[in-house]
C-alpha atoms as a PDB file:
ATOM      1  CA  UNK A   1     -12.116  -5.548 -12.289  1.00  0.00           C
ATOM      2  CA  UNK A   2      -8.553  -5.024 -13.479  1.00  0.00           C
ATOM      3  CA  UNK A   3      -6.409  -2.056 -12.352  1.00  0.00           C
ATOM      4  CA  UNK A   4      -4.329  -0.363 -15.030  1.00  0.00           C
ATOM      5  CA  UNK A   5      -1.948   2.585 -15.168  1.00  0.00           C
ATOM      6  CA  UNK A   6      -3.977   5.482 -16.541  1.00  0.00           C
ATOM      7  CA  UNK A   7      -3.356   6.815 -20.009  1.00  0.00           C
ATOM      8  CA  UNK A   8      -0.751   9.542 -19.968  1.00  0.00           C
ATOM      9  CA  UNK A   9       0.951   8.010 -16.928  1.00  0.00           C
ATOM     10  CA  UNK A  10       4.275   6.285 -17.378  1.00  0.00           C
ATOM     11  CA  UNK A  11       4.502   2.708 -16.126  1.00  0.00           C
ATOM     12  CA  UNK A  12       8.292   2.782 -16.350  1.00  0.00           C
ATOM     13  CA  UNK A  13      10.569   3.492 -13.382  1.00  0.00           C
ATOM     14  CA  UNK A  14      11.712   7.066 -12.982  1.00  0.00           C
ATOM     15  CA  UNK A  15      15.385   7.859 -13.525  1.00  0.00           C
ATOM     16  CA  UNK A  16      16.167   7.819  -9.814  1.00  0.00           C
ATOM     17  CA  UNK A  17      14.388   4.488  -9.323  1.00  0.00           C
ATOM     18  CA  UNK A  18      16.257   2.910 -12.225  1.00  0.00           C
ATOM     19  CA  UNK A  19      19.569   4.190 -10.914  1.00  0.00           C
ATOM     20  CA  UNK A  20      18.931   2.710  -7.494  1.00  0.00           C
ATOM     21  CA  UNK A  21      17.698  -0.582  -8.962  1.00  0.00           C
ATOM     22  CA  UNK A  22      14.724  -0.586  -6.637  1.00  0.00           C
ATOM     23  CA  UNK A  23      11.637  -2.679  -7.373  1.00  0.00           C
ATOM     24  CA  UNK A  24       9.555   0.017  -5.625  1.00  0.00           C
ATOM     25  CA  UNK A  25       8.543   2.574  -8.231  1.00  0.00           C
ATOM     26  CA  UNK A  26       6.835   5.904  -7.599  1.00  0.00           C
ATOM     27  CA  UNK A  27       6.954   9.365  -9.129  1.00  0.00           C
ATOM     28  CA  UNK A  28       5.526  11.022  -6.003  1.00  0.00           C
ATOM     29  CA  UNK A  29       8.123  12.683  -3.771  1.00  0.00           C
ATOM     30  CA  UNK A  30       6.074  12.283  -0.582  1.00  0.00           C
ATOM     31  CA  UNK A  31       5.571   8.571  -1.134  1.00  0.00           C
ATOM     32  CA  UNK A  32       9.229   8.180  -2.131  1.00  0.00           C
ATOM     33  CA  UNK A  33      10.311   9.808   1.130  1.00  0.00           C
ATOM     34  CA  UNK A  34       8.125   7.389   3.077  1.00  0.00           C
ATOM     35  CA  UNK A  35       9.586   4.387   1.258  1.00  0.00           C
ATOM     36  CA  UNK A  36      13.087   5.638   2.034  1.00  0.00           C
ATOM     37  CA  UNK A  37      12.270   6.094   5.737  1.00  0.00           C
ATOM     38  CA  UNK A  38      10.983   2.542   5.977  1.00  0.00           C
ATOM     39  CA  UNK A  39      13.954   1.055   4.126  1.00  0.00           C
ATOM     40  CA  UNK A  40      16.453   2.936   6.264  1.00  0.00           C
ATOM     41  CA  UNK A  41      15.057   1.461   9.494  1.00  0.00           C
ATOM     42  CA  UNK A  42      13.778  -2.018   8.644  1.00  0.00           C
ATOM     43  CA  UNK A  43      16.070  -4.934   7.887  1.00  0.00           C
ATOM     44  CA  UNK A  44      13.033  -7.096   7.121  1.00  0.00           C
ATOM     45  CA  UNK A  45      11.901  -4.627   4.468  1.00  0.00           C
ATOM     46  CA  UNK A  46      15.360  -4.423   2.890  1.00  0.00           C
ATOM     47  CA  UNK A  47      15.675  -8.203   2.772  1.00  0.00           C
ATOM     48  CA  UNK A  48      12.330  -8.528   0.954  1.00  0.00           C
ATOM     49  CA  UNK A  49      13.261  -5.735  -1.461  1.00  0.00           C
ATOM     50  CA  UNK A  50      16.536  -7.470  -2.311  1.00  0.00           C
ATOM     51  CA  UNK A  51      14.732 -10.742  -3.047  1.00  0.00           C
ATOM     52  CA  UNK A  52      12.097  -9.068  -5.219  1.00  0.00           C
ATOM     53  CA  UNK A  53      14.756  -7.060  -7.049  1.00  0.00           C
ATOM     54  CA  UNK A  54      16.581 -10.276  -7.897  1.00  0.00           C
ATOM     55  CA  UNK A  55      13.388 -11.747  -9.337  1.00  0.00           C
ATOM     56  CA  UNK A  56      12.812  -8.707 -11.544  1.00  0.00           C
ATOM     57  CA  UNK A  57       9.411  -7.910 -10.002  1.00  0.00           C
ATOM     58  CA  UNK A  58       7.965  -4.506  -9.121  1.00  0.00           C
ATOM     59  CA  UNK A  59       5.551  -2.599  -6.919  1.00  0.00           C
ATOM     60  CA  UNK A  60       4.183   0.563  -8.527  1.00  0.00           C
ATOM     61  CA  UNK A  61       3.119   2.992  -5.790  1.00  0.00           C
ATOM     62  CA  UNK A  62       0.544   5.324  -7.311  1.00  0.00           C
ATOM     63  CA  UNK A  63      -2.038   7.956  -6.453  1.00  0.00           C
ATOM     64  CA  UNK A  64      -5.674   7.557  -7.596  1.00  0.00           C
ATOM     65  CA  UNK A  65      -5.281   9.926 -10.543  1.00  0.00           C
ATOM     66  CA  UNK A  66      -2.687   7.541 -12.018  1.00  0.00           C
ATOM     67  CA  UNK A  67      -5.028   4.527 -12.110  1.00  0.00           C
ATOM     68  CA  UNK A  68      -8.014   3.406 -14.129  1.00  0.00           C
ATOM     69  CA  UNK A  69      -9.952   0.200 -13.523  1.00  0.00           C
ATOM     70  CA  UNK A  70     -11.089  -1.895 -16.491  1.00  0.00           C
ATOM     71  CA  UNK A  71     -14.468  -3.600 -16.216  1.00  0.00           C
ATOM     72  CA  UNK A  72     -13.635  -6.862 -17.956  1.00  0.00           C
ATOM     73  CA  UNK A  73     -17.295  -7.870 -18.239  1.00  0.00           C
ATOM     74  CA  UNK A  74     -18.345  -4.736 -20.122  1.00  0.00           C
ATOM     75  CA  UNK A  75     -14.930  -3.760 -21.503  1.00  0.00           C
ATOM     76  CA  UNK A  76     -15.209  -0.293 -20.006  1.00  0.00           C
ATOM     77  CA  UNK A  77     -12.800   1.898 -18.070  1.00  0.00           C
ATOM     78  CA  UNK A  78     -14.003   3.855 -15.097  1.00  0.00           C
ATOM     79  CA  UNK A  79     -12.556   5.886 -12.247  1.00  0.00           C
ATOM     80  CA  UNK A  80     -13.321   3.008  -9.915  1.00  0.00           C
ATOM     81  CA  UNK A  81     -10.892   3.708  -7.079  1.00  0.00           C
ATOM     82  CA  UNK A  82     -13.140   4.412  -4.088  1.00  0.00           C
ATOM     83  CA  UNK A  83     -12.398   7.998  -2.982  1.00  0.00           C
ATOM     84  CA  UNK A  84     -13.178   7.118   0.642  1.00  0.00           C
ATOM     85  CA  UNK A  85     -10.489   4.408   0.789  1.00  0.00           C
ATOM     86  CA  UNK A  86      -7.050   5.330   2.093  1.00  0.00           C
ATOM     87  CA  UNK A  87      -5.107   2.788   0.036  1.00  0.00           C
ATOM     88  CA  UNK A  88      -5.216  -0.656  -1.524  1.00  0.00           C
ATOM     89  CA  UNK A  89      -2.946  -3.209  -3.133  1.00  0.00           C
ATOM     90  CA  UNK A  90      -3.892  -4.939  -6.395  1.00  0.00           C
ATOM     91  CA  UNK A  91      -1.830  -7.732  -7.968  1.00  0.00           C
ATOM     92  CA  UNK A  92      -1.689  -7.798 -11.783  1.00  0.00           C
ATOM     93  CA  UNK A  93      -1.601 -11.498 -12.712  1.00  0.00           C
ATOM     94  CA  UNK A  94      -0.967 -12.793 -16.209  1.00  0.00           C
ATOM     95  CA  UNK A  95      -3.037 -15.518 -17.883  1.00  0.00           C
ATOM     96  CA  UNK A  96      -1.159 -18.153 -15.854  1.00  0.00           C
ATOM     97  CA  UNK A  97      -1.703 -16.342 -12.538  1.00  0.00           C
ATOM     98  CA  UNK A  98       1.958 -15.333 -12.386  1.00  0.00           C
ATOM     99  CA  UNK A  99       2.435 -12.016 -10.604  1.00  0.00           C
ATOM    100  CA  UNK A 100       5.353  -9.788 -11.555  1.00  0.00           C
ATOM    101  CA  UNK A 101       3.682  -6.461 -10.745  1.00  0.00           C
ATOM    102  CA  UNK A 102       1.518  -5.225  -7.880  1.00  0.00           C
ATOM    103  CA  UNK A 103      -0.108  -1.806  -7.921  1.00  0.00           C
ATOM    104  CA  UNK A 104      -0.418  -0.014  -4.591  1.00  0.00           C
ATOM    105  CA  UNK A 105      -2.738   2.983  -4.751  1.00  0.00           C
ATOM    106  CA  UNK A 106      -2.435   5.544  -1.942  1.00  0.00           C
ATOM    107  CA  UNK A 107      -5.101   8.212  -1.531  1.00  0.00           C
ATOM    108  CA  UNK A 108      -2.519  10.769  -0.500  1.00  0.00           C
ATOM    109  CA  UNK A 109      -4.854  13.749  -0.964  1.00  0.00           C
ATOM    110  CA  UNK A 110      -7.412  12.272   1.455  1.00  0.00           C
ATOM    111  CA  UNK A 111      -4.769  11.367   4.034  1.00  0.00           C
ATOM    112  CA  UNK A 112      -3.330  14.885   3.917  1.00  0.00           C
ATOM    113  CA  UNK A 113      -6.816  16.423   4.101  1.00  0.00           C
ATOM    114  CA  UNK A 114      -7.708  14.451   7.217  1.00  0.00           C
ATOM    115  CA  UNK A 115      -4.456  15.484   8.856  1.00  0.00           C
ATOM    116  CA  UNK A 116      -5.133  19.137   8.034  1.00  0.00           C
ATOM    117  CA  UNK A 117      -8.505  18.935   9.795  1.00  0.00           C
ATOM    118  CA  UNK A 118      -6.812  19.062  13.156  1.00  0.00           C
ATOM    119  CA  UNK A 119      -3.491  20.416  14.350  1.00  0.00           C
ATOM    120  CA  UNK A 120      -1.210  17.480  15.122  1.00  0.00           C
ATOM    121  CA  UNK A 121       2.215  16.759  16.477  1.00  0.00           C
ATOM    122  CA  UNK A 122       5.059  17.113  13.969  1.00  0.00           C
ATOM    123  CA  UNK A 123       5.702  13.883  12.123  1.00  0.00           C
ATOM    124  CA  UNK A 124       2.248  12.321  12.559  1.00  0.00           C
ATOM    125  CA  UNK A 125       1.438  12.528   8.846  1.00  0.00           C
ATOM    126  CA  UNK A 126       4.764  10.923   7.953  1.00  0.00           C
ATOM    127  CA  UNK A 127       4.218   8.176  10.533  1.00  0.00           C
ATOM    128  CA  UNK A 128       0.737   7.406   9.197  1.00  0.00           C
ATOM    129  CA  UNK A 129       2.021   7.235   5.630  1.00  0.00           C
ATOM    130  CA  UNK A 130       4.728   4.836   6.764  1.00  0.00           C
ATOM    131  CA  UNK A 131       2.153   2.642   8.555  1.00  0.00           C
ATOM    132  CA  UNK A 132      -0.131   2.570   5.503  1.00  0.00           C
ATOM    133  CA  UNK A 133       2.683   1.709   3.093  1.00  0.00           C
ATOM    134  CA  UNK A 134       4.008  -0.979   5.417  1.00  0.00           C
ATOM    135  CA  UNK A 135       0.576  -2.607   5.500  1.00  0.00           C
ATOM    136  CA  UNK A 136      -0.114  -2.415   1.784  1.00  0.00           C
ATOM    137  CA  UNK A 137       3.390  -3.235   0.545  1.00  0.00           C
ATOM    138  CA  UNK A 138       4.960  -5.519   3.174  1.00  0.00           C
ATOM    139  CA  UNK A 139       1.614  -6.957   4.273  1.00  0.00           C
ATOM    140  CA  UNK A 140       0.026  -7.491   0.844  1.00  0.00           C
ATOM    141  CA  UNK A 141       2.200  -6.650  -2.192  1.00  0.00           C
ATOM    142  CA  UNK A 142       5.463  -8.309  -1.187  1.00  0.00           C
ATOM    143  CA  UNK A 143       3.914 -11.746  -0.474  1.00  0.00           C
ATOM    144  CA  UNK A 144       2.497 -11.890  -4.016  1.00  0.00           C
ATOM    145  CA  UNK A 145       5.866 -10.949  -5.497  1.00  0.00           C
ATOM    146  CA  UNK A 146       7.875 -13.264  -3.270  1.00  0.00           C
ATOM    147  CA  UNK A 147       5.643 -16.166  -4.331  1.00  0.00           C
ATOM    148  CA  UNK A 148       5.491 -14.959  -7.925  1.00  0.00           C
ATOM    149  CA  UNK A 149       1.850 -15.947  -8.253  1.00  0.00           C
ATOM    150  CA  UNK A 150      -1.612 -15.524  -6.728  1.00  0.00           C
ATOM    151  CA  UNK A 151      -0.882 -18.160  -4.073  1.00  0.00           C
ATOM    152  CA  UNK A 152       1.073 -15.441  -2.264  1.00  0.00           C
ATOM    153  CA  UNK A 153      -2.106 -13.750  -1.054  1.00  0.00           C
ATOM    154  CA  UNK A 154      -1.637 -12.584   2.548  1.00  0.00           C
ATOM    155  CA  UNK A 155      -5.110 -11.943   3.886  1.00  0.00           C
ATOM    156  CA  UNK A 156      -6.585  -9.399   6.239  1.00  0.00           C
ATOM    157  CA  UNK A 157      -8.476 -10.744   9.280  1.00  0.00           C
ATOM    158  CA  UNK A 158     -11.437 -13.020   8.675  1.00  0.00           C
ATOM    159  CA  UNK A 159     -14.671 -12.502  10.623  1.00  0.00           C
ATOM    160  CA  UNK A 160     -14.159 -13.451  14.279  1.00  0.00           C
ATOM    161  CA  UNK A 161     -10.397 -13.812  13.767  1.00  0.00           C
ATOM    162  CA  UNK A 162      -8.156 -11.849  16.083  1.00  0.00           C
ATOM    163  CA  UNK A 163      -6.662  -9.087  13.953  1.00  0.00           C
ATOM    164  CA  UNK A 164      -3.127  -9.594  15.215  1.00  0.00           C
ATOM    165  CA  UNK A 165      -3.243 -13.236  14.042  1.00  0.00           C
ATOM    166  CA  UNK A 166      -4.005 -12.357  10.409  1.00  0.00           C
ATOM    167  CA  UNK A 167      -1.198 -12.744   7.872  1.00  0.00           C
ATOM    168  CA  UNK A 168      -1.132  -9.108   6.730  1.00  0.00           C
ATOM    169  CA  UNK A 169      -1.244  -7.706  10.281  1.00  0.00           C
ATOM    170  CA  UNK A 170       1.493 -10.030  11.538  1.00  0.00           C
ATOM    171  CA  UNK A 171       3.756  -8.916   8.708  1.00  0.00           C
ATOM    172  CA  UNK A 172       2.852  -5.267   9.238  1.00  0.00           C
ATOM    173  CA  UNK A 173       3.589  -5.435  12.962  1.00  0.00           C
ATOM    174  CA  UNK A 174       7.019  -7.010  12.387  1.00  0.00           C
ATOM    175  CA  UNK A 175       8.119  -3.965  10.361  1.00  0.00           C
ATOM    176  CA  UNK A 176       6.268  -1.468  12.567  1.00  0.00           C
ATOM    177  CA  UNK A 177       8.285  -2.760  15.517  1.00  0.00           C
ATOM    178  CA  UNK A 178      11.553  -2.038  13.729  1.00  0.00           C
ATOM    179  CA  UNK A 179      10.417   1.542  13.041  1.00  0.00           C
ATOM    180  CA  UNK A 180       8.965   2.123  16.520  1.00  0.00           C
ATOM    181  CA  UNK A 181       5.476   2.740  15.084  1.00  0.00           C
ATOM    182  CA  UNK A 182       3.564   0.679  17.612  1.00  0.00           C
ATOM    183  CA  UNK A 183       1.743  -2.633  17.183  1.00  0.00           C
ATOM    184  CA  UNK A 184      -1.528  -2.838  15.352  1.00  0.00           C
ATOM    185  CA  UNK A 185      -4.041  -4.799  17.405  1.00  0.00           C
ATOM    186  CA  UNK A 186      -7.354  -4.083  15.628  1.00  0.00           C
ATOM    187  CA  UNK A 187      -8.801  -4.301  12.141  1.00  0.00           C
ATOM    188  CA  UNK A 188      -9.606  -0.668  11.534  1.00  0.00           C
ATOM    189  CA  UNK A 189      -8.124   2.794  11.717  1.00  0.00           C
ATOM    190  CA  UNK A 190      -7.259   2.851  15.413  1.00  0.00           C
ATOM    191  CA  UNK A 191      -3.601   2.210  14.644  1.00  0.00           C
ATOM    192  CA  UNK A 192      -3.322   5.508  12.725  1.00  0.00           C
ATOM    193  CA  UNK A 193      -2.979   8.997  14.164  1.00  0.00           C
ATOM    194  CA  UNK A 194      -5.576  10.274  11.695  1.00  0.00           C
ATOM    195  CA  UNK A 195      -8.285   8.037  13.204  1.00  0.00           C
ATOM    196  CA  UNK A 196      -9.489  10.762  15.554  1.00  0.00           C
ATOM    197  CA  UNK A 197     -10.385  13.019  12.649  1.00  0.00           C
ATOM    198  CA  UNK A 198     -11.600  10.210  10.396  1.00  0.00           C
ATOM    199  CA  UNK A 199     -14.428   9.232  12.726  1.00  0.00           C
ATOM    200  CA  UNK A 200     -15.710  12.807  12.701  1.00  0.00           C
ATOM    201  CA  UNK A 201     -16.082  12.689   8.920  1.00  0.00           C
ATOM    202  CA  UNK A 202     -19.122  11.464   7.026  1.00  0.00           C
ATOM    203  CA  UNK A 203     -17.009   8.813   5.342  1.00  0.00           C
ATOM    204  CA  UNK A 204     -17.172   5.059   5.818  1.00  0.00           C
ATOM    205  CA  UNK A 205     -13.937   3.108   5.317  1.00  0.00           C
ATOM    206  CA  UNK A 206     -14.105  -0.022   3.187  1.00  0.00           C
ATOM    207  CA  UNK A 207     -12.861  -3.341   4.628  1.00  0.00           C
ATOM    208  CA  UNK A 208      -9.584  -4.347   3.049  1.00  0.00           C
ATOM    209  CA  UNK A 209      -8.574  -0.743   2.468  1.00  0.00           C
ATOM    210  CA  UNK A 210      -5.066   0.498   3.242  1.00  0.00           C
ATOM    211  CA  UNK A 211      -5.732   1.035   6.803  1.00  0.00           C
ATOM    212  CA  UNK A 212      -7.541  -2.241   7.054  1.00  0.00           C
END
């Protein structure tokens, strides 16, 4: 299954992104604000961004409506992004397994809906968005782009592995610490403020999803 930018959606950086020279591209103001919060507080994040910028590689941060998934076996396109998943990162390798682009899809509508289900403290939605983007981008997308190929895969916890020992969680926690967002100790949603509402919903998260 190959993720693609949906027809009618621009794959080029927006004017503001081009002006700033950032390798992180999004047209969504809420996601852009989250990326700016993270960059303003994390030296680790900024260092990785500078390296990826120099290599001419990009992360496209999208919402589900901006993505289609091509079924390579049947040459079909379907709306294959799982609507119950909070987010996921998908590298786009070329025929030689070189990776210059990673798509990060954030189910912003679902995250906002869950937060609306229950009155919360100010800033909890923003904090959860920051945690999710840190995991998907710093934990998964950046390693592919820093390596420049599929060998950069930074995995989520394996069965029976302590979550905090997994590559993606270790990277996530390093940036979380710089933002004061708490350490993630488990492989699930417990590290997000929205978890309390999520478990009351008839929705089952998929392993490897944004909050995974």
